[in-house]
Amino acid sequence: MAYARRHLNLTVLPTGEVLATGGVAGTTFNDISTGVHAAELWNPATGQWTTLASNTVTRGYHATSVLLPDGRVLHAGSGDGAGGPDQRNAELFSPPYLFRGARPTITSMPGSAGYGSQFRIETPDAAAITHVSLIRLGAVTHAFDENQRFKGLTFTADATGLTVTAPSSRNRAPPGHYMVFILNGADVPSVAKIIRIY
């Protein structure tokens, strides 16, 4: 990373990349005078970090970041103890994939799927889809989202949509609600639909 940080948040994106937001760079617990504003993006394929746009508000201890179904990241809060001012506000971060062209669309999809089953995603963009991502809904606290999980799903495409295989094991995808994104060859994600895996 380009910036030393503590109290940062890491958010898994539909591309499988990880976004680092906020935090402070000081050696004391929550020195807001050393706030880190630039976001950084980690690419798991290369292991490289890229510095991206900056947010406005210093977000240290008790800040949160969570992936939204539209592919943006909600970056909010900070303070509520540890000597920092309470930030009862939020900013939205738009990752680079939102500026790479038209987004694929999901026109319909079931609300639930059992382990190892196949389910249908209807999309007019089936021929362009290269990835289907399953991401658990966020539950962020104290710079850590222990609910975050990412899984690429296998699929086949035809003229009107995709036939997708749900995860086979609850060990890799515990039961619950997930966002499903479809991505095209430019790694542009759709707006997610929510599915319950059981």
C-alpha atoms as a PDB file:
ATOM      1  CA  MET A   1       0.000   0.000   0.000  1.00  0.00           C
ATOM      2  CA  ALA A   2       1.076   3.574  -0.574  1.00  0.00           C
ATOM      3  CA  TYR A   3      -0.245   4.738   2.821  1.00  0.00           C
ATOM      4  CA  ALA A   4       0.211   3.357   6.311  1.00  0.00           C
ATOM      5  CA  ARG A   5      -3.234   3.029   7.905  1.00  0.00           C
ATOM      6  CA  ARG A   6      -5.014   1.835  10.987  1.00  0.00           C
ATOM      7  CA  HIS A   7      -8.811   1.747  11.433  1.00  0.00           C
ATOM      8  CA  LEU A   8      -9.202   1.410   7.666  1.00  0.00           C
ATOM      9  CA  ASN A   9     -11.955  -0.598   5.997  1.00  0.00           C
ATOM     10  CA  LEU A  10     -11.468  -3.226   3.297  1.00  0.00           C
ATOM     11  CA  THR A  11     -14.370  -3.930   0.948  1.00  0.00           C
ATOM     12  CA  VAL A  12     -14.540  -6.808  -1.546  1.00  0.00           C
ATOM     13  CA  LEU A  13     -15.794  -5.613  -4.940  1.00  0.00           C
ATOM     14  CA  PRO A  14     -17.690  -7.511  -7.687  1.00  0.00           C
ATOM     15  CA  THR A  15     -14.437  -7.795  -9.674  1.00  0.00           C
ATOM     16  CA  GLY A  16     -12.768  -9.663  -6.783  1.00  0.00           C
ATOM     17  CA  GLU A  17     -10.576  -6.635  -6.109  1.00  0.00           C
ATOM     18  CA  VAL A  18     -10.385  -5.176  -2.592  1.00  0.00           C
ATOM     19  CA  LEU A  19     -10.926  -1.480  -1.845  1.00  0.00           C
ATOM     20  CA  ALA A  20      -9.154   0.146   1.140  1.00  0.00           C
ATOM     21  CA  THR A  21     -10.811   3.302   2.448  1.00  0.00           C
ATOM     22  CA  GLY A  22     -10.147   5.676   5.315  1.00  0.00           C
ATOM     23  CA  GLY A  23      -8.055   5.195   8.392  1.00  0.00           C
ATOM     24  CA  VAL A  24      -5.328   7.188  10.111  1.00  0.00           C
ATOM     25  CA  ALA A  25      -1.564   6.949   9.663  1.00  0.00           C
ATOM     26  CA  GLY A  26      -0.340   8.004  13.094  1.00  0.00           C
ATOM     27  CA  THR A  27       1.322   5.813  15.696  1.00  0.00           C
ATOM     28  CA  THR A  28      -1.206   6.689  18.408  1.00  0.00           C
ATOM     29  CA  PHE A  29      -4.568   4.945  18.533  1.00  0.00           C
ATOM     30  CA  ASN A  30      -6.738   7.405  16.591  1.00  0.00           C
ATOM     31  CA  ASP A  31      -4.718  10.469  15.557  1.00  0.00           C
ATOM     32  CA  ILE A  32      -7.204  12.149  13.213  1.00  0.00           C
ATOM     33  CA  SER A  33      -4.583  14.740  12.223  1.00  0.00           C
ATOM     34  CA  THR A  34      -2.979  11.924  10.180  1.00  0.00           C
ATOM     35  CA  GLY A  35      -6.163  10.922   8.348  1.00  0.00           C
ATOM     36  CA  VAL A  36      -5.712   8.980   5.104  1.00  0.00           C
ATOM     37  CA  HIS A  37      -8.147  10.130   2.428  1.00  0.00           C
ATOM     38  CA  ALA A  38      -6.947   8.378  -0.741  1.00  0.00           C
ATOM     39  CA  ALA A  39      -8.630   5.069  -1.521  1.00  0.00           C
ATOM     40  CA  GLU A  40      -6.448   2.180  -2.674  1.00  0.00           C
ATOM     41  CA  LEU A  41      -7.389  -0.840  -4.767  1.00  0.00           C
ATOM     42  CA  TRP A  42      -5.723  -4.253  -4.422  1.00  0.00           C
ATOM     43  CA  ASN A  43      -5.699  -6.579  -7.427  1.00  0.00           C
ATOM     44  CA  PRO A  44      -5.554 -10.255  -6.353  1.00  0.00           C
ATOM     45  CA  ALA A  45      -4.259 -11.333  -9.780  1.00  0.00           C
ATOM     46  CA  THR A  46      -1.174  -9.101  -9.615  1.00  0.00           C
ATOM     47  CA  GLY A  47      -0.851  -8.417  -5.878  1.00  0.00           C
ATOM     48  CA  GLN A  48      -0.499  -4.716  -6.730  1.00  0.00           C
ATOM     49  CA  TRP A  49      -2.107  -1.696  -5.059  1.00  0.00           C
ATOM     50  CA  THR A  50      -3.367   1.298  -7.069  1.00  0.00           C
ATOM     51  CA  THR A  51      -4.096   4.701  -5.514  1.00  0.00           C
ATOM     52  CA  LEU A  52      -7.515   6.100  -6.405  1.00  0.00           C
ATOM     53  CA  ALA A  53      -9.617   9.178  -5.602  1.00  0.00           C
ATOM     54  CA  SER A  54      -9.788  10.674  -2.114  1.00  0.00           C
ATOM     55  CA  ASN A  55     -12.722  11.173   0.191  1.00  0.00           C
ATOM     56  CA  THR A  56     -13.306  14.446   2.048  1.00  0.00           C
ATOM     57  CA  VAL A  57     -13.879  13.541   5.706  1.00  0.00           C
ATOM     58  CA  THR A  58     -11.231  11.941   7.931  1.00  0.00           C
ATOM     59  CA  ARG A  59     -12.695   8.567   8.840  1.00  0.00           C
ATOM     60  CA  GLY A  60     -10.773   6.752  11.564  1.00  0.00           C
ATOM     61  CA  TYR A  61     -11.999   4.713  14.510  1.00  0.00           C
ATOM     62  CA  HIS A  62     -15.590   3.437  14.116  1.00  0.00           C
ATOM     63  CA  ALA A  63     -15.817   4.313  10.412  1.00  0.00           C
ATOM     64  CA  THR A  64     -17.504   1.794   8.127  1.00  0.00           C
ATOM     65  CA  SER A  65     -17.477   0.930   4.428  1.00  0.00           C
ATOM     66  CA  VAL A  66     -19.931  -1.433   2.757  1.00  0.00           C
ATOM     67  CA  LEU A  67     -20.584  -2.517  -0.827  1.00  0.00           C
ATOM     68  CA  LEU A  68     -23.967  -1.418  -2.179  1.00  0.00           C
ATOM     69  CA  PRO A  69     -25.980  -3.368  -4.767  1.00  0.00           C
ATOM     70  CA  ASP A  70     -25.315  -0.635  -7.345  1.00  0.00           C
ATOM     71  CA  GLY A  71     -21.561  -1.330  -7.100  1.00  0.00           C
ATOM     72  CA  ARG A  72     -20.671   1.824  -5.176  1.00  0.00           C
ATOM     73  CA  VAL A  73     -19.172   1.755  -1.674  1.00  0.00           C
ATOM     74  CA  LEU A  74     -20.830   3.587   1.217  1.00  0.00           C
ATOM     75  CA  HIS A  75     -18.088   5.102   3.417  1.00  0.00           C
ATOM     76  CA  ALA A  76     -19.554   6.493   6.639  1.00  0.00           C
ATOM     77  CA  GLY A  77     -19.161   7.416  10.262  1.00  0.00           C
ATOM     78  CA  SER A  78     -16.077   7.761  12.491  1.00  0.00           C
ATOM     79  CA  GLY A  79     -15.539   8.969  16.022  1.00  0.00           C
ATOM     80  CA  ASP A  80     -17.900   7.900  18.803  1.00  0.00           C
ATOM     81  CA  GLY A  81     -14.974   7.616  21.167  1.00  0.00           C
ATOM     82  CA  ALA A  82     -11.186   7.482  21.015  1.00  0.00           C
ATOM     83  CA  GLY A  83     -10.892  11.280  20.918  1.00  0.00           C
ATOM     84  CA  GLY A  84     -12.217  11.725  17.391  1.00  0.00           C
ATOM     85  CA  PRO A  85     -15.124  13.936  16.369  1.00  0.00           C
ATOM     86  CA  ASP A  86     -18.372  12.124  15.679  1.00  0.00           C
ATOM     87  CA  GLN A  87     -18.970  12.003  11.936  1.00  0.00           C
ATOM     88  CA  ARG A  88     -22.661  11.290  11.480  1.00  0.00           C
ATOM     89  CA  ASN A  89     -22.434  11.549   7.717  1.00  0.00           C
ATOM     90  CA  ALA A  90     -21.535   9.455   4.701  1.00  0.00           C
ATOM     91  CA  GLU A  91     -19.760   9.594   1.349  1.00  0.00           C
ATOM     92  CA  LEU A  92     -20.187   7.380  -1.704  1.00  0.00           C
ATOM     93  CA  PHE A  93     -17.183   6.003  -3.571  1.00  0.00           C
ATOM     94  CA  SER A  94     -17.571   4.981  -7.207  1.00  0.00           C
ATOM     95  CA  PRO A  95     -14.933   2.371  -8.177  1.00  0.00           C
ATOM     96  CA  PRO A  96     -13.220   2.641 -11.577  1.00  0.00           C
ATOM     97  CA  TYR A  97     -15.394  -0.109 -13.094  1.00  0.00           C
ATOM     98  CA  LEU A  98     -18.358   2.285 -13.092  1.00  0.00           C
ATOM     99  CA  PHE A  99     -16.576   4.437 -15.697  1.00  0.00           C
ATOM    100  CA  ARG A 100     -15.685   1.712 -18.217  1.00  0.00           C
ATOM    101  CA  GLY A 101     -18.855   1.766 -20.304  1.00  0.00           C
ATOM    102  CA  ALA A 102     -22.385   0.412 -20.307  1.00  0.00           C
ATOM    103  CA  ARG A 103     -23.409  -1.942 -17.522  1.00  0.00           C
ATOM    104  CA  PRO A 104     -24.938  -5.358 -18.136  1.00  0.00           C
ATOM    105  CA  THR A 105     -28.410  -5.827 -16.702  1.00  0.00           C
ATOM    106  CA  ILE A 106     -30.189  -8.585 -14.823  1.00  0.00           C
ATOM    107  CA  THR A 107     -33.846  -8.588 -15.843  1.00  0.00           C
ATOM    108  CA  SER A 108     -34.915 -11.441 -13.573  1.00  0.00           C
ATOM    109  CA  MET A 109     -33.503 -13.967 -11.153  1.00  0.00           C
ATOM    110  CA  PRO A 110     -34.946 -16.173  -8.382  1.00  0.00           C
ATOM    111  CA  GLY A 111     -34.865 -14.989  -4.790  1.00  0.00           C
ATOM    112  CA  SER A 112     -33.326 -18.197  -3.450  1.00  0.00           C
ATOM    113  CA  ALA A 113     -31.278 -21.238  -4.467  1.00  0.00           C
ATOM    114  CA  GLY A 114     -30.225 -24.432  -2.696  1.00  0.00           C
ATOM    115  CA  TYR A 115     -26.653 -25.651  -2.436  1.00  0.00           C
ATOM    116  CA  GLY A 116     -25.400 -27.177  -5.680  1.00  0.00           C
ATOM    117  CA  SER A 117     -28.580 -26.280  -7.564  1.00  0.00           C
ATOM    118  CA  GLN A 118     -28.773 -24.362 -10.811  1.00  0.00           C
ATOM    119  CA  PHE A 119     -30.672 -21.113 -11.146  1.00  0.00           C
ATOM    120  CA  ARG A 120     -31.494 -18.855 -14.057  1.00  0.00           C
ATOM    121  CA  ILE A 121     -30.414 -15.239 -14.611  1.00  0.00           C
ATOM    122  CA  GLU A 122     -32.275 -13.581 -17.456  1.00  0.00           C
ATOM    123  CA  THR A 123     -30.209 -10.888 -19.178  1.00  0.00           C
ATOM    124  CA  PRO A 124     -30.098  -9.326 -22.644  1.00  0.00           C
ATOM    125  CA  ASP A 125     -26.301  -9.225 -22.249  1.00  0.00           C
ATOM    126  CA  ALA A 126     -25.683 -12.964 -21.903  1.00  0.00           C
ATOM    127  CA  ALA A 127     -23.167 -13.182 -24.759  1.00  0.00           C
ATOM    128  CA  ALA A 128     -20.954 -10.513 -23.145  1.00  0.00           C
ATOM    129  CA  ILE A 129     -20.864 -11.945 -19.616  1.00  0.00           C
ATOM    130  CA  THR A 130     -17.499 -13.289 -18.454  1.00  0.00           C
ATOM    131  CA  HIS A 131     -18.010 -13.539 -14.675  1.00  0.00           C
ATOM    132  CA  VAL A 132     -20.771 -14.053 -12.125  1.00  0.00           C
ATOM    133  CA  SER A 133     -19.853 -12.901  -8.610  1.00  0.00           C
ATOM    134  CA  LEU A 134     -21.548 -13.865  -5.360  1.00  0.00           C
ATOM    135  CA  ILE A 135     -20.843 -11.479  -2.460  1.00  0.00           C
ATOM    136  CA  ARG A 136     -22.284 -11.815   1.032  1.00  0.00           C
ATOM    137  CA  LEU A 137     -24.146  -8.780   2.382  1.00  0.00           C
ATOM    138  CA  GLY A 138     -21.940  -6.580   4.560  1.00  0.00           C
ATOM    139  CA  ALA A 139     -21.893  -6.363   8.353  1.00  0.00           C
ATOM    140  CA  VAL A 140     -19.145  -3.885   9.250  1.00  0.00           C
ATOM    141  CA  THR A 141     -17.836  -2.892  12.665  1.00  0.00           C
ATOM    142  CA  HIS A 142     -14.478  -1.697  14.007  1.00  0.00           C
ATOM    143  CA  ALA A 143     -12.759  -1.729  10.594  1.00  0.00           C
ATOM    144  CA  PHE A 144     -13.702  -5.344   9.945  1.00  0.00           C
ATOM    145  CA  ASP A 145     -16.480  -6.958   7.927  1.00  0.00           C
ATOM    146  CA  GLU A 146     -16.586 -10.530   9.177  1.00  0.00           C
ATOM    147  CA  ASN A 147     -19.612 -11.274   6.995  1.00  0.00           C
ATOM    148  CA  GLN A 148     -17.765 -10.498   3.743  1.00  0.00           C
ATOM    149  CA  ARG A 149     -17.324 -13.402   1.355  1.00  0.00           C
ATOM    150  CA  PHE A 150     -16.639 -13.529  -2.378  1.00  0.00           C
ATOM    151  CA  LYS A 151     -17.208 -16.456  -4.709  1.00  0.00           C
ATOM    152  CA  GLY A 152     -17.070 -16.654  -8.480  1.00  0.00           C
ATOM    153  CA  LEU A 153     -19.894 -18.840  -9.787  1.00  0.00           C
ATOM    154  CA  THR A 154     -19.750 -21.138 -12.816  1.00  0.00           C
ATOM    155  CA  PHE A 155     -22.325 -20.591 -15.557  1.00  0.00           C
ATOM    156  CA  THR A 156     -23.323 -21.295 -19.117  1.00  0.00           C
ATOM    157  CA  ALA A 157     -24.813 -18.684 -21.436  1.00  0.00           C
ATOM    158  CA  ASP A 158     -27.472 -18.909 -24.117  1.00  0.00           C
ATOM    159  CA  ALA A 159     -29.462 -16.377 -26.150  1.00  0.00           C
ATOM    160  CA  THR A 160     -31.619 -15.114 -23.281  1.00  0.00           C
ATOM    161  CA  GLY A 161     -29.567 -15.546 -20.140  1.00  0.00           C
ATOM    162  CA  LEU A 162     -27.314 -17.585 -17.903  1.00  0.00           C
ATOM    163  CA  THR A 163     -27.678 -20.894 -16.106  1.00  0.00           C
ATOM    164  CA  VAL A 164     -25.669 -20.489 -12.905  1.00  0.00           C
ATOM    165  CA  THR A 165     -24.557 -23.123 -10.405  1.00  0.00           C
ATOM    166  CA  ALA A 166     -25.005 -22.199  -6.746  1.00  0.00           C
ATOM    167  CA  PRO A 167     -22.161 -22.922  -4.289  1.00  0.00           C
ATOM    168  CA  SER A 168     -21.984 -26.576  -3.318  1.00  0.00           C
ATOM    169  CA  SER A 169     -20.824 -26.147   0.272  1.00  0.00           C
ATOM    170  CA  ARG A 170     -22.000 -24.153   3.249  1.00  0.00           C
ATOM    171  CA  ASN A 171     -18.370 -24.137   4.404  1.00  0.00           C
ATOM    172  CA  ARG A 172     -17.492 -21.726   1.584  1.00  0.00           C
ATOM    173  CA  ALA A 173     -20.833 -19.925   1.420  1.00  0.00           C
ATOM    174  CA  PRO A 174     -22.743 -20.079   4.712  1.00  0.00           C
ATOM    175  CA  PRO A 175     -26.535 -19.922   4.422  1.00  0.00           C
ATOM    176  CA  GLY A 176     -27.911 -16.439   4.050  1.00  0.00           C
ATOM    177  CA  HIS A 177     -28.337 -13.530   1.687  1.00  0.00           C
ATOM    178  CA  TYR A 178     -25.868 -12.569  -1.035  1.00  0.00           C
ATOM    179  CA  MET A 179     -25.579 -10.103  -3.884  1.00  0.00           C
ATOM    180  CA  VAL A 180     -25.217 -11.551  -7.381  1.00  0.00           C
ATOM    181  CA  PHE A 181     -23.403  -9.430  -9.968  1.00  0.00           C
ATOM    182  CA  ILE A 182     -22.856 -10.286 -13.625  1.00  0.00           C
ATOM    183  CA  LEU A 183     -19.766  -8.729 -15.244  1.00  0.00           C
ATOM    184  CA  ASN A 184     -18.810  -8.207 -18.871  1.00  0.00           C
ATOM    185  CA  GLY A 185     -15.383  -8.478 -20.489  1.00  0.00           C
ATOM    186  CA  ALA A 186     -14.449  -4.963 -19.345  1.00  0.00           C
ATOM    187  CA  ASP A 187     -15.171  -6.030 -15.734  1.00  0.00           C
ATOM    188  CA  VAL A 188     -18.205  -3.731 -15.584  1.00  0.00           C
ATOM    189  CA  PRO A 189     -20.731  -5.153 -13.100  1.00  0.00           C
ATOM    190  CA  SER A 190     -24.498  -5.079 -13.263  1.00  0.00           C
ATOM    191  CA  VAL A 191     -26.583  -3.742 -10.437  1.00  0.00           C
ATOM    192  CA  ALA A 192     -26.849  -6.715  -8.079  1.00  0.00           C
ATOM    193  CA  LYS A 193     -29.867  -8.820  -7.286  1.00  0.00           C
ATOM    194  CA  ILE A 194     -30.215 -10.387  -3.847  1.00  0.00           C
ATOM    195  CA  ILE A 195     -30.418 -14.159  -3.465  1.00  0.00           C
ATOM    196  CA  ARG A 196     -30.778 -16.376  -0.399  1.00  0.00           C
ATOM    197  CA  ILE A 197     -28.507 -19.407  -0.426  1.00  0.00           C
ATOM    198  CA  TYR A 198     -29.804 -22.347   1.623  1.00  0.00           C
END
